[in-house]
């Protein structure tokens, strides 16, 4: 169940590595650095939380399954809920990395102008 969480982290790592270049070729801004840090922390910490939840539920589910076999369906559902934590941690940095261009373009002055223009129409 938790193998896909490592794949989520690998995909984000590849996206971050593809966004970087040697220092002489590309300027690596502070904004980009913090965006990459936030993406890595998001996928990493949610991966740890999902793995911990899957481990606890899996351990107790197997112990309870020995006493009563009807618990299996509920255990699998709770394992899926634990897996969703990792999925949320994948969606957040994917959104951050894809929306970076819009976020960098949207300065406070441009935001005010856009709000003014949209309010008059």
N, C-alpha and C. Protein backbone atom coordinates (compact mmCIF):
# COMPACT_ATOMS: atom_id res chain seq x y z
N UNK A 1 0.82 -1.21 0.00
CA UNK A 1 0.00 0.00 0.00
C UNK A 1 0.86 1.27 0.00
N UNK A 2 1.97 1.25 0.69
CA UNK A 2 2.71 2.50 0.82
C UNK A 2 3.80 2.67 -0.24
N UNK A 3 3.89 1.75 -1.20
CA UNK A 3 4.91 1.87 -2.23
C UNK A 3 4.69 3.04 -3.16
N UNK A 4 3.44 3.40 -3.39
CA UNK A 4 3.15 4.51 -4.29
C UNK A 4 3.58 5.85 -3.68
N UNK A 5 3.68 5.93 -2.38
CA UNK A 5 4.10 7.18 -1.73
C UNK A 5 5.53 7.52 -2.13
N UNK A 6 6.38 6.50 -2.26
CA UNK A 6 7.75 6.73 -2.71
C UNK A 6 7.76 7.20 -4.16
N UNK A 7 6.83 6.73 -4.96
CA UNK A 7 6.75 7.17 -6.36
C UNK A 7 6.34 8.63 -6.41
N UNK A 8 5.42 9.05 -5.54
CA UNK A 8 5.04 10.46 -5.48
C UNK A 8 6.27 11.34 -5.22
N UNK A 9 7.08 10.94 -4.25
CA UNK A 9 8.27 11.71 -3.91
C UNK A 9 9.26 11.71 -5.06
N UNK A 10 9.38 10.59 -5.76
CA UNK A 10 10.29 10.52 -6.89
C UNK A 10 9.86 11.45 -8.02
N UNK A 11 8.57 11.52 -8.29
CA UNK A 11 8.06 12.40 -9.34
C UNK A 11 8.35 13.86 -9.00
N UNK A 12 8.10 14.25 -7.76
CA UNK A 12 8.37 15.63 -7.35
C UNK A 12 9.86 15.93 -7.41
N UNK A 13 10.69 14.96 -7.03
CA UNK A 13 12.15 15.16 -7.10
C UNK A 13 12.60 15.36 -8.55
N UNK A 14 12.01 14.61 -9.46
CA UNK A 14 12.36 14.77 -10.88
C UNK A 14 11.90 16.13 -11.39
N UNK A 15 10.73 16.58 -10.97
CA UNK A 15 10.25 17.91 -11.39
C UNK A 15 11.15 19.02 -10.86
N UNK A 16 11.59 18.88 -9.62
CA UNK A 16 12.48 19.89 -9.04
C UNK A 16 13.83 19.86 -9.73
N UNK A 17 14.37 18.67 -9.97
CA UNK A 17 15.67 18.57 -10.63
C UNK A 17 15.62 19.07 -12.06
N UNK A 18 14.49 18.87 -12.73
CA UNK A 18 14.35 19.38 -14.09
C UNK A 18 14.24 20.89 -14.15
N UNK A 19 13.88 21.49 -13.04
CA UNK A 19 13.74 22.94 -12.97
C UNK A 19 15.07 23.64 -12.68
N UNK A 20 16.09 22.86 -12.35
CA UNK A 20 17.39 23.42 -11.99
C UNK A 20 18.35 23.29 -13.17
N UNK A 21 19.34 24.15 -13.20
CA UNK A 21 20.38 24.13 -14.22
C UNK A 21 21.70 24.53 -13.56
N UNK A 22 22.81 24.33 -14.26
CA UNK A 22 24.09 24.79 -13.69
C UNK A 22 24.05 26.29 -13.40
N UNK A 23 24.81 26.73 -12.40
CA UNK A 23 24.74 28.14 -11.98
C UNK A 23 25.03 29.15 -13.08
N UNK A 24 25.88 28.81 -14.03
CA UNK A 24 26.18 29.79 -15.07
C UNK A 24 25.07 29.92 -16.11
N UNK A 25 24.20 28.90 -16.20
CA UNK A 25 23.14 28.91 -17.21
C UNK A 25 21.86 29.58 -16.74
N UNK A 26 21.57 29.49 -15.47
CA UNK A 26 20.26 29.93 -15.00
C UNK A 26 20.39 30.62 -13.64
N UNK A 27 19.60 31.65 -13.46
CA UNK A 27 19.54 32.32 -12.17
C UNK A 27 18.55 31.58 -11.27
N UNK A 28 18.99 31.16 -10.12
CA UNK A 28 18.15 30.42 -9.18
C UNK A 28 17.71 31.39 -8.09
N UNK A 29 16.49 31.89 -8.21
CA UNK A 29 16.03 32.94 -7.31
C UNK A 29 15.65 32.38 -5.95
N UNK A 30 15.51 33.28 -5.01
CA UNK A 30 15.11 32.89 -3.66
C UNK A 30 13.68 32.33 -3.66
N UNK A 31 12.84 32.92 -4.49
CA UNK A 31 11.47 32.43 -4.61
C UNK A 31 11.43 30.99 -5.10
N UNK A 32 12.23 30.69 -6.12
CA UNK A 32 12.28 29.33 -6.65
C UNK A 32 12.83 28.37 -5.62
N UNK A 33 13.81 28.80 -4.87
CA UNK A 33 14.38 27.95 -3.82
C UNK A 33 13.36 27.60 -2.74
N UNK A 34 12.60 28.60 -2.31
CA UNK A 34 11.58 28.33 -1.30
C UNK A 34 10.43 27.51 -1.86
N UNK A 35 10.13 27.69 -3.15
CA UNK A 35 9.10 26.88 -3.78
C UNK A 35 9.53 25.41 -3.82
N UNK A 36 10.78 25.16 -4.14
CA UNK A 36 11.28 23.79 -4.16
C UNK A 36 11.35 23.21 -2.75
N UNK A 37 11.74 24.02 -1.78
CA UNK A 37 11.78 23.56 -0.40
C UNK A 37 10.38 23.19 0.09
N UNK A 38 9.41 24.05 -0.18
CA UNK A 38 8.04 23.78 0.24
C UNK A 38 7.48 22.53 -0.43
N UNK A 39 7.82 22.34 -1.69
CA UNK A 39 7.34 21.15 -2.41
C UNK A 39 7.95 19.89 -1.82
N UNK A 40 9.24 19.92 -1.56
CA UNK A 40 9.90 18.75 -0.98
C UNK A 40 9.41 18.43 0.42
N UNK A 41 9.24 19.47 1.22
CA UNK A 41 8.73 19.24 2.58
C UNK A 41 7.30 18.72 2.56
N UNK A 42 6.50 19.23 1.66
CA UNK A 42 5.11 18.80 1.57
C UNK A 42 5.01 17.32 1.25
N UNK A 43 5.69 16.90 0.20
CA UNK A 43 5.60 15.50 -0.20
C UNK A 43 6.32 14.60 0.82
N UNK A 44 7.39 15.09 1.42
CA UNK A 44 8.13 14.27 2.39
C UNK A 44 7.38 14.07 3.70
N UNK A 45 6.87 15.15 4.26
CA UNK A 45 6.18 15.03 5.56
C UNK A 45 4.85 14.29 5.44
N UNK A 46 4.13 14.51 4.35
CA UNK A 46 2.89 13.74 4.19
C UNK A 46 3.19 12.29 3.89
N UNK A 47 4.33 12.02 3.25
CA UNK A 47 4.73 10.62 3.05
C UNK A 47 5.04 9.93 4.36
N UNK A 48 5.72 10.64 5.26
CA UNK A 48 6.00 10.07 6.58
C UNK A 48 4.70 9.84 7.35
N UNK A 49 3.79 10.81 7.31
CA UNK A 49 2.51 10.66 8.02
C UNK A 49 1.69 9.50 7.45
N UNK A 50 1.66 9.39 6.12
CA UNK A 50 0.90 8.30 5.50
C UNK A 50 1.53 6.94 5.82
N UNK A 51 2.84 6.87 5.77
CA UNK A 51 3.51 5.62 6.11
C UNK A 51 3.28 5.21 7.55
N UNK A 52 3.31 6.19 8.45
CA UNK A 52 3.05 5.90 9.86
C UNK A 52 1.61 5.41 10.06
N UNK A 53 0.66 6.08 9.40
CA UNK A 53 -0.74 5.67 9.53
C UNK A 53 -0.96 4.27 8.95
N UNK A 54 -0.37 3.99 7.82
CA UNK A 54 -0.52 2.67 7.21
C UNK A 54 0.12 1.60 8.10
N UNK A 55 1.26 1.92 8.69
CA UNK A 55 1.91 0.95 9.59
C UNK A 55 1.09 0.64 10.82
N UNK A 56 0.55 1.66 11.45
CA UNK A 56 -0.26 1.46 12.66
C UNK A 56 -1.54 0.69 12.34
N UNK A 57 -2.23 1.12 11.29
CA UNK A 57 -3.50 0.47 10.92
C UNK A 57 -3.23 -0.96 10.45
N UNK A 58 -2.17 -1.16 9.69
CA UNK A 58 -1.86 -2.50 9.22
C UNK A 58 -1.53 -3.45 10.36
N UNK A 59 -0.76 -2.97 11.32
CA UNK A 59 -0.41 -3.81 12.47
C UNK A 59 -1.64 -4.19 13.28
N UNK A 60 -2.43 -3.19 13.64
CA UNK A 60 -3.62 -3.49 14.45
C UNK A 60 -4.67 -4.25 13.65
N UNK A 61 -4.75 -3.98 12.33
CA UNK A 61 -5.72 -4.69 11.50
C UNK A 61 -5.42 -6.18 11.42
N UNK A 62 -4.15 -6.53 11.29
CA UNK A 62 -3.78 -7.94 11.23
C UNK A 62 -4.05 -8.62 12.56
N UNK A 63 -3.76 -7.93 13.65
CA UNK A 63 -4.03 -8.53 14.98
C UNK A 63 -5.52 -8.73 15.21
N UNK A 64 -6.33 -7.75 14.79
CA UNK A 64 -7.78 -7.87 14.97
C UNK A 64 -8.39 -8.87 13.99
N UNK A 65 -7.80 -9.03 12.83
CA UNK A 65 -8.31 -9.97 11.83
C UNK A 65 -8.22 -11.40 12.34
N UNK A 66 -7.23 -11.67 13.17
CA UNK A 66 -7.09 -13.01 13.73
C UNK A 66 -8.24 -13.33 14.69
N UNK A 67 -8.78 -12.31 15.33
CA UNK A 67 -9.89 -12.53 16.26
C UNK A 67 -11.24 -12.52 15.56
N UNK A 68 -11.37 -11.69 14.54
CA UNK A 68 -12.65 -11.59 13.83
C UNK A 68 -12.38 -11.22 12.38
N UNK A 69 -12.85 -12.06 11.46
CA UNK A 69 -12.51 -11.88 10.05
C UNK A 69 -13.33 -10.79 9.36
N UNK A 70 -14.39 -10.31 9.98
CA UNK A 70 -15.21 -9.26 9.36
C UNK A 70 -14.51 -7.90 9.36
N UNK A 71 -13.42 -7.79 10.05
CA UNK A 71 -12.72 -6.52 10.17
C UNK A 71 -11.93 -6.16 8.91
N UNK A 72 -11.78 -7.12 7.99
CA UNK A 72 -10.89 -6.92 6.84
C UNK A 72 -11.32 -5.75 5.96
N UNK A 73 -12.59 -5.63 5.63
CA UNK A 73 -13.06 -4.56 4.75
C UNK A 73 -12.83 -3.19 5.40
N UNK A 74 -13.14 -3.08 6.66
CA UNK A 74 -12.91 -1.82 7.37
C UNK A 74 -11.44 -1.46 7.43
N UNK A 75 -10.59 -2.48 7.60
CA UNK A 75 -9.16 -2.24 7.66
C UNK A 75 -8.65 -1.71 6.32
N UNK A 76 -9.11 -2.30 5.24
CA UNK A 76 -8.68 -1.85 3.91
C UNK A 76 -9.15 -0.42 3.65
N UNK A 77 -10.37 -0.08 4.06
CA UNK A 77 -10.85 1.29 3.89
C UNK A 77 -10.01 2.29 4.67
N UNK A 78 -9.65 1.95 5.87
CA UNK A 78 -8.82 2.86 6.68
C UNK A 78 -7.42 2.96 6.09
N UNK A 79 -6.90 1.87 5.53
CA UNK A 79 -5.61 1.94 4.85
C UNK A 79 -5.66 2.87 3.64
N UNK A 80 -6.77 2.84 2.93
CA UNK A 80 -6.93 3.75 1.79
C UNK A 80 -6.97 5.19 2.26
N UNK A 81 -7.63 5.46 3.37
CA UNK A 81 -7.64 6.83 3.91
C UNK A 81 -6.23 7.27 4.29
N UNK A 82 -5.42 6.37 4.82
CA UNK A 82 -4.04 6.71 5.12
C UNK A 82 -3.24 7.00 3.86
N UNK A 83 -3.54 6.25 2.79
CA UNK A 83 -2.86 6.47 1.52
C UNK A 83 -3.21 7.82 0.92
N UNK A 84 -4.41 8.30 1.17
CA UNK A 84 -4.84 9.60 0.63
C UNK A 84 -4.01 10.74 1.21
N UNK A 85 -3.50 10.58 2.42
CA UNK A 85 -2.60 11.60 2.98
C UNK A 85 -1.40 11.82 2.06
N UNK A 86 -0.83 10.74 1.58
CA UNK A 86 0.30 10.85 0.65
C UNK A 86 -0.11 11.47 -0.67
N UNK A 87 -1.32 11.17 -1.12
CA UNK A 87 -1.81 11.75 -2.37
C UNK A 87 -1.98 13.26 -2.24
N UNK A 88 -2.49 13.73 -1.11
CA UNK A 88 -2.61 15.17 -0.88
C UNK A 88 -1.23 15.82 -0.90
N UNK A 89 -0.26 15.14 -0.32
CA UNK A 89 1.10 15.66 -0.32
C UNK A 89 1.73 15.68 -1.70
N UNK A 90 1.19 14.90 -2.63
CA UNK A 90 1.67 14.93 -4.02
C UNK A 90 0.98 16.04 -4.81
N UNK A 91 -0.30 16.24 -4.56
CA UNK A 91 -1.07 17.22 -5.33
C UNK A 91 -0.62 18.64 -4.99
N UNK A 92 -0.33 18.90 -3.74
CA UNK A 92 0.05 20.25 -3.31
C UNK A 92 1.34 20.73 -3.99
N UNK A 93 2.46 19.98 -3.94
CA UNK A 93 3.64 20.50 -4.64
C UNK A 93 3.50 20.50 -6.15
N UNK A 94 2.71 19.57 -6.69
CA UNK A 94 2.48 19.57 -8.14
C UNK A 94 1.78 20.86 -8.54
N UNK A 95 0.82 21.29 -7.72
CA UNK A 95 0.12 22.55 -7.98
C UNK A 95 1.06 23.74 -7.80
N UNK A 96 1.88 23.71 -6.77
CA UNK A 96 2.83 24.80 -6.53
C UNK A 96 3.80 24.94 -7.69
N UNK A 97 4.34 23.83 -8.15
CA UNK A 97 5.34 23.89 -9.22
C UNK A 97 4.72 24.29 -10.55
N UNK A 98 3.48 23.92 -10.79
CA UNK A 98 2.86 24.29 -12.06
C UNK A 98 2.32 25.72 -12.05
N UNK A 99 1.98 26.26 -10.89
CA UNK A 99 1.44 27.62 -10.79
C UNK A 99 2.52 28.66 -10.50
N UNK A 100 3.77 28.25 -10.52
CA UNK A 100 4.87 29.15 -10.18
C UNK A 100 4.92 30.36 -11.12
N UNK A 101 4.67 30.16 -12.39
CA UNK A 101 4.75 31.26 -13.35
C UNK A 101 3.68 32.29 -13.04
N UNK A 102 2.49 31.86 -12.71
CA UNK A 102 1.41 32.79 -12.38
C UNK A 102 1.72 33.52 -11.08
N UNK A 103 2.26 32.82 -10.10
CA UNK A 103 2.57 33.44 -8.82
C UNK A 103 3.67 34.48 -8.97
N UNK A 104 4.71 34.18 -9.77
CA UNK A 104 5.79 35.15 -9.97
C UNK A 104 5.30 36.38 -10.72
N UNK A 105 4.39 36.20 -11.66
CA UNK A 105 3.88 37.33 -12.44
C UNK A 105 2.98 38.22 -11.60
N UNK A 106 2.28 37.65 -10.64
CA UNK A 106 1.26 38.36 -9.89
C UNK A 106 1.90 39.15 -8.75
N UNK A 107 2.35 40.35 -9.04
CA UNK A 107 2.88 41.24 -8.01
C UNK A 107 1.71 42.00 -7.39
N UNK A 108 1.90 42.64 -6.23
CA UNK A 108 0.79 43.38 -5.61
C UNK A 108 0.21 44.46 -6.51
N UNK A 109 1.06 45.17 -7.27
CA UNK A 109 0.55 46.21 -8.16
C UNK A 109 -0.32 45.64 -9.26
N UNK A 110 0.11 44.53 -9.85
CA UNK A 110 -0.69 43.90 -10.91
C UNK A 110 -1.99 43.33 -10.35
N UNK A 111 -1.93 42.84 -9.12
CA UNK A 111 -3.15 42.31 -8.50
C UNK A 111 -4.18 43.41 -8.29
N UNK A 112 -3.74 44.58 -7.83
CA UNK A 112 -4.66 45.70 -7.61
C UNK A 112 -5.26 46.16 -8.93
N UNK A 113 -4.43 46.26 -9.97
CA UNK A 113 -4.95 46.67 -11.29
C UNK A 113 -5.95 45.65 -11.80
N UNK A 114 -5.65 44.36 -11.65
CA UNK A 114 -6.56 43.32 -12.12
C UNK A 114 -7.90 43.38 -11.36
N UNK A 115 -7.83 43.63 -10.05
CA UNK A 115 -9.06 43.72 -9.27
C UNK A 115 -9.90 44.92 -9.67
N UNK A 116 -9.23 46.04 -9.92
CA UNK A 116 -9.95 47.26 -10.34
C UNK A 116 -10.62 47.04 -11.70
N UNK A 117 -9.87 46.47 -12.64
CA UNK A 117 -10.43 46.24 -13.98
C UNK A 117 -11.59 45.25 -13.95
N UNK A 118 -11.49 44.25 -13.11
CA UNK A 118 -12.58 43.25 -13.03
C UNK A 118 -13.80 43.78 -12.29
N UNK A 119 -13.61 44.72 -11.38
CA UNK A 119 -14.76 45.24 -10.64
C UNK A 119 -15.62 46.19 -11.48
N UNK A 120 -15.03 46.82 -12.50
CA UNK A 120 -15.79 47.75 -13.33
C UNK A 120 -16.59 47.05 -14.43
N UNK A 121 -16.26 45.83 -14.74
CA UNK A 121 -16.96 45.16 -15.83
C UNK A 121 -18.15 44.37 -15.37
